[in-house]
Amino acid sequence: MDINPAINHVVFEIDHKGTLKPSIGSGPTQAEDCVRQAWQQVVNETGASGHDVRRVYSEWEPSPGDLAFLEQLCPSAEITHSFERPRDGQWDAAFTEARRIILEAAEANSSGTEGDEEDGDFMLLVLRDADGLSETMVGKPVADDFQLCMALVGPTPHGTVGINYILTNFLQNQPVDVDDLWNEAYQNLMVGLRIQVAEEKGERLFILEREGGFAASAIGLPDFPDRARSWVPTGQILFGIPNPDTLLVCGVNSPFAQQLQKAVLESRYQGAINLTPSVLQIEGGKFSIVTQRV
C-alpha cells in the first residue's frame, strides 16, 4: 500500500499473448470512479482491453459503481482488495487507521518488536500462485509456480481476516530494513504453528496447521527443507498443499502418499488467496510440482 492512503493503487493482471503481466494504475481513493480512472491509465499506457483482464487487486475496496464497471469490463476476473471503504463515510478516520497499520507494522518489525496477533495487524507471509499480481508484491519464489508474499494480516470489523499485501513500490523509499521485515515475518509465521503426526506401518504423516491460519506458508521457511528431511530421513519427500491453512508432509513411498495426494486433488478450496492445491517434492534443494488440482 502507498504511504499516502488517499491514493489507491489498482493492479490489473492482463493476458498478453498467453503471458500474464501486471499493469498498475491509480486514482483518488475516495473517488467513486477510482478503479475506472486507474483502468484508463492502463489502457493509455498499454492499449489493453477488458476481455484480457484475469485478476484485479485494489488496495481499497472498489465503490459499488466501480464494481459494476468491472463486472461489465471483465466479468470473469477475480477481484480482491485489502482495505474496506468506510460505510459511515468517515474517510479521515479510515485513512488514519490505514496509515497507522502500515507504519507501525513496518517500524515494529524493523526494530525487532514482536508482532501481536491480539492487538491488530502484523507482518506475515502468504503463499500464493506466482502470477501477475504476485510480481507487484514483496515476495520470494518457493517454486516455479509459487511465491511467498509479505503482507499485513489482521481481523476486519466484519470478523474476517484481512490481507494487505506489501507492494514493492511501498518499500522503495521507506526507512526500513527489508531483511528485518522478512525475519520478523518468519518469526510471526512460526507462532501458533502446530505439527500433528499420524503413524501407520512405521511411516508417518506430518500435518502442519497454525492458529490463525496460513500454515502452508511454512514451506517457505528458510530451514523447512532441513526439518522435513529430519522427519523423513530416507527417500524423497512429498509436500501436500490442499489449502492455505494446511501443509502435509510424508515420504514418496509412504502408505500416506496416496492419502496426501487425494487430499490435494479433491480439495474444494476456492478462497480469496489465489493458491492452486498442489503436491510438491524437493530435489537438490529445489521444490518442483508433482501434480495439481485441475
Protein backbone atom coordinates (compact mmCIF):
# COMPACT_ATOMS: atom_id res chain seq x y z
CA MET A 1 0.00 0.00 0.00
CA ASP A 2 1.12 3.57 -0.70
CA ILE A 3 2.22 5.53 2.36
CA ASN A 4 -0.45 8.05 1.30
CA PRO A 5 -3.73 6.13 1.66
CA ALA A 6 -5.62 8.87 -0.19
CA ILE A 7 -4.10 7.40 -3.36
CA ASN A 8 -5.35 3.95 -4.30
CA HIS A 9 -3.23 1.67 -6.48
CA VAL A 10 -5.02 -0.88 -8.64
CA VAL A 11 -3.23 -3.84 -10.23
CA PHE A 12 -4.72 -5.38 -13.37
CA GLU A 13 -3.35 -8.79 -14.36
CA ILE A 14 -3.56 -8.89 -18.14
CA ASP A 15 -3.20 -11.82 -20.52
CA HIS A 16 -0.73 -10.67 -23.17
CA LYS A 17 -0.37 -13.35 -25.86
CA GLY A 18 -0.56 -16.13 -23.30
CA THR A 19 1.65 -14.40 -20.71
CA LEU A 20 0.09 -12.81 -17.64
CA LYS A 21 1.54 -9.38 -16.91
CA PRO A 22 0.60 -6.84 -14.21
CA SER A 23 -0.21 -3.22 -15.02
CA ILE A 24 -0.75 -0.65 -12.28
CA GLY A 25 -2.98 2.42 -12.32
CA SER A 26 -4.01 4.73 -9.51
CA GLY A 27 -6.58 7.30 -8.54
CA PRO A 28 -8.10 9.17 -5.59
CA THR A 29 -9.21 6.56 -3.07
CA GLN A 30 -12.48 8.33 -2.28
CA ALA A 31 -13.50 8.75 -5.92
CA GLU A 32 -16.48 6.68 -6.94
CA ASP A 33 -14.72 6.01 -10.25
CA CYS A 34 -11.22 5.42 -8.84
CA VAL A 35 -10.86 1.98 -10.45
CA ARG A 36 -12.22 3.32 -13.72
CA GLN A 37 -9.57 6.09 -13.64
CA ALA A 38 -6.84 3.52 -12.92
CA TRP A 39 -8.02 1.35 -15.79
CA GLN A 40 -7.97 4.31 -18.18
CA GLN A 41 -4.31 4.89 -17.27
CA VAL A 42 -3.54 1.26 -18.06
CA VAL A 43 -5.38 1.48 -21.38
CA ASN A 44 -3.50 4.65 -22.32
CA GLU A 45 -0.15 3.02 -21.49
CA THR A 46 -0.69 -0.49 -22.82
CA GLY A 47 -3.72 -0.47 -25.10
CA ALA A 48 -5.16 -3.41 -23.14
CA SER A 49 -8.80 -4.46 -23.43
CA GLY A 50 -11.14 -5.68 -20.73
CA HIS A 51 -11.50 -9.24 -22.06
CA ASP A 52 -7.76 -9.72 -21.41
CA VAL A 53 -8.04 -8.93 -17.67
CA ARG A 54 -7.75 -12.03 -15.49
CA ARG A 55 -7.44 -10.54 -11.98
CA VAL A 56 -7.85 -7.15 -10.34
CA TYR A 57 -6.32 -6.18 -6.99
CA SER A 58 -7.30 -2.82 -5.49
CA GLU A 59 -5.71 -1.70 -2.23
CA TRP A 60 -9.05 -0.15 -1.25
CA GLU A 61 -12.40 -1.81 -1.80
CA PRO A 62 -13.96 -0.62 -5.09
CA SER A 63 -17.10 1.51 -4.87
CA PRO A 64 -20.42 -0.01 -5.97
CA GLY A 65 -20.08 1.97 -9.18
CA ASP A 66 -16.59 0.62 -9.82
CA LEU A 67 -17.74 -2.92 -9.07
CA ALA A 68 -20.48 -2.52 -11.67
CA PHE A 69 -17.87 -1.16 -14.09
CA LEU A 70 -15.59 -4.17 -13.51
CA GLU A 71 -18.48 -6.57 -13.89
CA GLN A 72 -19.09 -5.14 -17.34
CA LEU A 73 -15.41 -4.75 -18.24
CA CYS A 74 -14.11 -8.15 -17.13
CA PRO A 75 -16.98 -10.30 -15.76
CA SER A 76 -14.84 -13.42 -15.22
CA ALA A 77 -11.92 -11.69 -13.48
CA GLU A 78 -11.08 -12.32 -9.81
CA ILE A 79 -11.40 -9.08 -7.81
CA THR A 80 -9.70 -8.65 -4.41
CA HIS A 81 -8.88 -5.80 -2.05
CA SER A 82 -7.24 -5.17 1.32
CA PHE A 83 -8.92 -2.17 2.98
CA GLU A 84 -12.69 -1.74 3.12
CA ARG A 85 -14.42 1.51 2.22
CA PRO A 86 -15.86 3.15 5.35
CA ARG A 87 -19.62 2.61 5.35
CA ASP A 88 -20.11 5.68 7.55
CA GLY A 89 -18.26 7.96 5.15
CA GLN A 90 -15.57 8.78 7.73
CA TRP A 91 -12.63 8.75 5.35
CA ASP A 92 -10.30 10.73 7.60
CA ALA A 93 -10.60 8.08 10.30
CA ALA A 94 -10.17 5.29 7.74
CA PHE A 95 -7.03 6.91 6.31
CA THR A 96 -5.58 7.49 9.77
CA GLU A 97 -6.13 3.86 10.69
CA ALA A 98 -4.66 2.58 7.42
CA ARG A 99 -1.59 4.80 7.77
CA ARG A 100 -1.15 3.66 11.38
CA ILE A 101 -1.35 -0.01 10.42
CA ILE A 102 1.26 0.30 7.68
CA LEU A 103 3.75 2.49 9.53
CA GLU A 104 3.51 0.86 12.95
CA ALA A 105 3.90 -2.62 11.49
CA ALA A 106 6.89 -1.57 9.41
CA GLU A 107 8.55 0.25 12.30
CA ALA A 108 7.84 -2.53 14.79
CA ASN A 109 9.21 -5.20 12.51
CA SER A 110 12.21 -3.08 11.57
CA SER A 111 13.13 -2.62 15.23
CA GLY A 112 12.64 -6.30 16.01
CA THR A 113 9.46 -5.87 18.07
CA GLU A 114 7.35 -8.98 18.05
CA GLY A 115 4.02 -8.86 16.22
CA ASP A 116 0.93 -9.15 18.40
CA GLU A 117 -1.92 -11.16 16.95
CA GLU A 118 -4.34 -9.89 19.58
CA ASP A 119 -3.73 -6.18 19.06
CA GLY A 120 -4.29 -5.96 15.29
CA ASP A 121 -2.41 -6.32 12.04
CA PHE A 122 1.03 -7.92 11.99
CA MET A 123 3.54 -8.90 9.34
CA LEU A 124 3.05 -12.41 7.97
CA LEU A 125 3.82 -14.44 4.85
CA VAL A 126 1.15 -15.66 2.44
CA LEU A 127 1.81 -18.49 -0.01
CA ARG A 128 0.09 -17.93 -3.36
CA ASP A 129 0.43 -18.77 -7.00
CA ALA A 130 3.18 -16.93 -8.85
CA ASP A 131 1.03 -14.76 -11.09
CA GLY A 132 0.91 -11.25 -12.43
CA LEU A 133 -0.31 -9.82 -9.13
CA SER A 134 2.38 -11.52 -7.05
CA GLU A 135 5.02 -9.87 -9.23
CA THR A 136 3.99 -6.50 -7.79
CA MET A 137 4.35 -7.70 -4.18
CA VAL A 138 7.34 -8.05 -1.90
CA GLY A 139 7.99 -11.76 -2.10
CA LYS A 140 10.30 -14.69 -2.70
CA PRO A 141 9.81 -17.67 -5.03
CA VAL A 142 9.17 -21.04 -3.42
CA ALA A 143 8.87 -22.99 -6.67
CA ASP A 144 8.30 -22.01 -10.28
CA ASP A 145 4.57 -21.87 -9.57
CA PHE A 146 4.51 -20.36 -6.07
CA GLN A 147 5.59 -17.20 -4.30
CA LEU A 148 5.78 -16.33 -0.61
CA CYS A 149 4.40 -12.79 -0.31
CA MET A 150 4.78 -10.36 2.57
CA ALA A 151 1.50 -8.98 3.93
CA LEU A 152 -0.08 -7.31 6.91
CA VAL A 153 -2.71 -9.68 8.29
CA GLY A 154 -5.35 -8.92 10.86
CA PRO A 155 -9.06 -9.05 11.73
CA THR A 156 -11.57 -6.87 9.92
CA PRO A 157 -14.61 -5.23 11.57
CA HIS A 158 -16.75 -7.93 9.94
CA GLY A 159 -14.94 -10.79 11.69
CA THR A 160 -12.99 -11.91 8.64
CA VAL A 161 -9.22 -11.93 8.12
CA GLY A 162 -7.87 -9.00 6.12
CA ILE A 163 -4.75 -9.42 3.97
CA ASN A 164 -2.94 -6.25 2.92
CA TYR A 165 -0.12 -7.27 0.59
CA ILE A 166 3.01 -5.12 0.70
CA LEU A 167 3.70 -3.81 -2.78
CA THR A 168 7.31 -3.32 -3.84
CA ASN A 169 6.75 0.36 -4.56
CA PHE A 170 5.78 0.93 -0.92
CA LEU A 171 9.17 -0.10 0.47
CA GLN A 172 11.28 1.72 -2.08
CA ASN A 173 11.53 4.95 -0.11
CA GLN A 174 10.80 3.71 3.40
CA PRO A 175 13.39 3.75 6.23
CA VAL A 176 13.06 0.04 6.96
CA ASP A 177 15.40 -2.91 6.58
CA VAL A 178 13.71 -5.47 4.33
CA ASP A 179 15.76 -8.31 5.81
CA ASP A 180 14.44 -7.39 9.25
CA LEU A 181 10.89 -7.48 7.89
CA TRP A 182 11.46 -10.96 6.47
CA ASN A 183 12.96 -12.25 9.72
CA GLU A 184 10.06 -10.89 11.74
CA ALA A 185 7.53 -12.32 9.30
CA TYR A 186 9.21 -15.72 9.60
CA GLN A 187 9.02 -15.50 13.39
CA ASN A 188 5.36 -14.48 13.31
CA LEU A 189 4.59 -17.40 11.00
CA MET A 190 6.06 -19.84 13.50
CA VAL A 191 3.88 -18.51 16.32
CA GLY A 192 1.00 -20.93 16.79
CA LEU A 193 2.37 -23.43 14.25
CA ARG A 194 1.38 -26.96 15.26
CA ILE A 195 2.60 -30.31 13.94
CA GLN A 196 0.42 -33.39 14.31
CA VAL A 197 1.68 -36.85 13.41
CA ALA A 198 -0.24 -39.85 12.13
CA GLU A 199 1.55 -43.23 12.05
CA GLU A 200 0.99 -46.39 10.03
CA LYS A 201 3.32 -49.32 9.39
CA GLY A 202 6.27 -47.41 10.77
CA GLU A 203 5.63 -44.48 8.43
CA ARG A 204 4.45 -41.06 9.48
CA LEU A 205 2.32 -38.29 8.00
CA PHE A 206 3.08 -34.80 9.32
CA ILE A 207 0.15 -32.38 9.38
CA LEU A 208 1.03 -28.72 9.87
CA GLU A 209 -1.65 -26.30 10.96
CA ARG A 210 -1.46 -22.89 12.55
CA GLU A 211 -3.64 -20.96 14.94
CA GLY A 212 -4.74 -18.07 12.76
CA GLY A 213 -4.23 -19.99 9.51
CA PHE A 214 -1.59 -19.74 6.76
CA ALA A 215 0.25 -22.93 7.77
CA ALA A 216 1.01 -23.73 4.12
CA SER A 217 3.35 -20.73 4.13
CA ALA A 218 5.68 -22.70 6.41
CA ILE A 219 7.01 -24.44 3.30
CA GLY A 220 8.87 -21.19 2.60
CA LEU A 221 10.66 -21.02 5.96
CA PRO A 222 14.45 -20.96 5.36
CA ASP A 223 15.09 -24.13 7.36
CA PHE A 224 11.98 -26.04 6.32
CA PRO A 225 13.67 -28.43 3.85
CA ASP A 226 16.13 -29.48 6.56
CA ARG A 227 13.29 -30.01 9.03
CA ALA A 228 11.40 -32.13 6.52
CA ARG A 229 14.48 -34.27 5.88
CA SER A 230 14.78 -34.90 9.62
CA TRP A 231 11.16 -36.12 9.64
CA VAL A 232 11.58 -38.27 6.52
CA PRO A 233 15.27 -39.23 6.59
CA THR A 234 15.09 -41.77 3.74
CA GLY A 235 13.86 -41.32 0.18
CA GLN A 236 12.09 -38.43 -1.48
CA ILE A 237 9.56 -36.25 0.32
CA LEU A 238 6.08 -35.20 -0.76
CA PHE A 239 4.53 -31.90 0.32
CA GLY A 240 0.77 -31.54 0.03
CA ILE A 241 -0.92 -28.11 -0.05
CA PRO A 242 -4.71 -28.64 -0.08
CA ASN A 243 -5.39 -25.04 1.03
CA PRO A 244 -3.52 -22.04 2.52
CA ASP A 245 -4.06 -23.30 6.09
CA THR A 246 -2.73 -26.86 5.81
CA LEU A 247 0.58 -28.45 4.87
CA LEU A 248 1.04 -32.24 4.63
CA VAL A 249 4.43 -33.99 4.59
CA CYS A 250 5.34 -37.67 4.05
CA GLY A 251 7.69 -39.90 2.13
CA VAL A 252 7.07 -40.75 -1.53
CA ASN A 253 6.83 -44.45 -0.69
CA SER A 254 4.83 -43.91 2.48
CA PRO A 255 1.39 -45.55 2.82
CA PHE A 256 0.18 -41.98 3.42
CA ALA A 257 1.34 -40.77 -0.01
CA GLN A 258 -1.92 -41.71 -1.69
CA GLN A 259 -3.90 -40.09 1.11
CA LEU A 260 -1.86 -36.90 0.75
CA GLN A 261 -2.44 -36.70 -2.99
CA LYS A 262 -6.14 -37.40 -2.59
CA ALA A 263 -6.47 -34.56 -0.06
CA VAL A 264 -4.93 -32.19 -2.60
CA LEU A 265 -6.68 -33.36 -5.77
CA GLU A 266 -10.10 -33.49 -4.08
CA SER A 267 -9.65 -30.18 -2.23
CA ARG A 268 -12.61 -27.83 -2.56
CA TYR A 269 -10.61 -24.75 -1.70
CA GLN A 270 -11.83 -21.66 -3.57
CA GLY A 271 -10.75 -18.74 -1.40
CA ALA A 272 -9.59 -15.16 -1.73
CA ILE A 273 -5.93 -16.24 -1.89
CA ASN A 274 -5.03 -17.37 -5.39
CA LEU A 275 -3.49 -20.72 -4.44
CA THR A 276 -3.82 -23.87 -6.54
CA PRO A 277 -3.92 -27.04 -4.38
CA SER A 278 -0.72 -28.90 -5.28
CA VAL A 279 1.67 -31.72 -4.45
CA LEU A 280 5.36 -30.81 -4.47
CA GLN A 281 8.61 -32.66 -3.95
CA ILE A 282 12.10 -31.40 -3.35
CA GLU A 283 15.20 -32.39 -5.25
CA GLY A 284 18.58 -30.75 -4.97
CA GLY A 285 17.17 -28.20 -2.58
CA LYS A 286 14.53 -27.01 -5.08
CA PHE A 287 10.78 -27.58 -4.98
CA SER A 288 9.01 -28.87 -8.08
CA ILE A 289 5.37 -29.65 -8.85
CA VAL A 290 4.31 -33.30 -8.87
CA THR A 291 0.61 -32.74 -9.56
CA GLN A 292 -2.03 -30.05 -9.14
CA ARG A 293 -5.78 -29.96 -8.83
CA VAL A 294 -7.37 -29.08 -12.16
